[in-house]
Every structure is written in C-alpha cells, then in structure tokens.
C-alpha cells in the first residue's frame, strides 16, 4: 500500500474561484500534489487537503557488500 504525505490549505472567504484554481494547479504541476478533498463552507471558506506519494528509495547495493 502506498504512503502519502498531506498538506492542508485554508482559503479565506474572499478568494475567487480563479485564484483557488491557479493555486491548486501550481501545486499539482510543480509540487506533484493531488487533490484529496475540497470542502466549501456555507460562509465561503474553502478547506483543501492535498496529498502526494512518498517515494521510498531502495538500495541498489547487493546484500552484504561493503559500503565504503
């Protein structure tokens, strides 16, 4: 199963739809974030949760080989 890291962004109520879209597009393109959840509150606030996969590096050295 994949491991993810999460980032929460709270957008104030005056934030336009275009500004929110641009912010999320930039996060997706440059930070490799994807949209997990977006909640729009009755007062106009938005709470955004982004996620991205944690990349785990595996050693390419054979088992028992000296690492020095």
Protein backbone atom coordinates (compact mmCIF):
# COMPACT_ATOMS: atom_id res chain seq x y z
CA UNK A 1 0.00 0.00 0.00
CA UNK A 2 1.23 3.48 -0.84
CA UNK A 3 2.24 6.00 1.80
CA UNK A 4 1.17 9.60 1.36
CA UNK A 5 2.04 12.93 2.90
CA UNK A 6 -0.71 15.50 3.30
CA UNK A 7 -0.92 19.28 3.18
CA UNK A 8 -3.91 21.31 4.31
CA UNK A 9 -4.66 24.73 2.84
CA UNK A 10 -7.36 27.03 4.18
CA UNK A 11 -8.55 29.64 1.70
CA UNK A 12 -10.37 32.67 3.11
CA UNK A 13 -13.85 33.50 2.01
CA UNK A 14 -12.85 36.32 -0.35
CA UNK A 15 -10.68 34.04 -2.51
CA UNK A 16 -12.01 33.90 -6.04
CA UNK A 17 -12.56 30.64 -7.85
CA UNK A 18 -9.84 31.52 -10.40
CA UNK A 19 -7.24 32.20 -7.69
CA UNK A 20 -8.07 28.91 -5.94
CA UNK A 21 -7.86 27.03 -9.24
CA UNK A 22 -4.49 28.61 -10.05
CA UNK A 23 -3.09 27.78 -6.60
CA UNK A 24 -4.15 24.13 -6.88
CA UNK A 25 -2.90 23.86 -10.47
CA UNK A 26 0.53 25.16 -9.47
CA UNK A 27 0.70 22.75 -6.53
CA UNK A 28 -0.16 19.86 -8.83
CA UNK A 29 2.28 20.81 -11.60
CA UNK A 30 5.30 21.83 -9.57
CA UNK A 31 4.87 20.06 -6.25
CA UNK A 32 3.29 16.83 -7.56
CA UNK A 33 0.35 17.27 -5.18
CA UNK A 34 -3.08 15.86 -5.99
CA UNK A 35 -6.44 16.87 -4.63
CA UNK A 36 -7.64 14.63 -1.81
CA UNK A 37 -10.60 16.71 -0.62
CA UNK A 38 -12.08 20.17 -1.06
CA UNK A 39 -14.73 21.42 1.31
CA UNK A 40 -16.68 24.59 0.67
CA UNK A 41 -18.26 26.03 3.80
CA UNK A 42 -21.55 27.99 3.82
CA UNK A 43 -19.68 31.21 4.69
CA UNK A 44 -17.49 30.88 1.56
CA UNK A 45 -14.29 29.49 3.13
CA UNK A 46 -12.58 26.58 1.41
CA UNK A 47 -10.56 23.86 3.10
CA UNK A 48 -8.33 21.94 0.70
CA UNK A 49 -6.44 18.75 1.50
CA UNK A 50 -3.69 17.77 -0.93
CA UNK A 51 -1.69 14.57 -0.95
CA UNK A 52 1.38 13.19 -2.68
CA UNK A 53 3.01 9.82 -2.65
CA UNK A 54 6.10 9.38 -0.51
CA UNK A 55 8.87 7.96 -2.67
CA UNK A 56 10.99 5.48 -0.79
CA UNK A 57 14.46 4.85 -2.15
CA UNK A 58 15.73 1.30 -2.14
CA UNK A 59 19.41 0.49 -2.02
CA UNK A 60 20.92 -0.84 -5.24
CA UNK A 61 23.89 -2.37 -3.40
CA UNK A 62 23.87 -6.14 -3.12
CA UNK A 63 23.24 -7.54 0.35
CA UNK A 64 26.44 -7.86 2.41
CA UNK A 65 28.54 -5.66 0.08
CA UNK A 66 30.90 -3.16 1.74
CA UNK A 67 29.51 0.36 1.57
CA UNK A 68 32.83 2.19 1.92
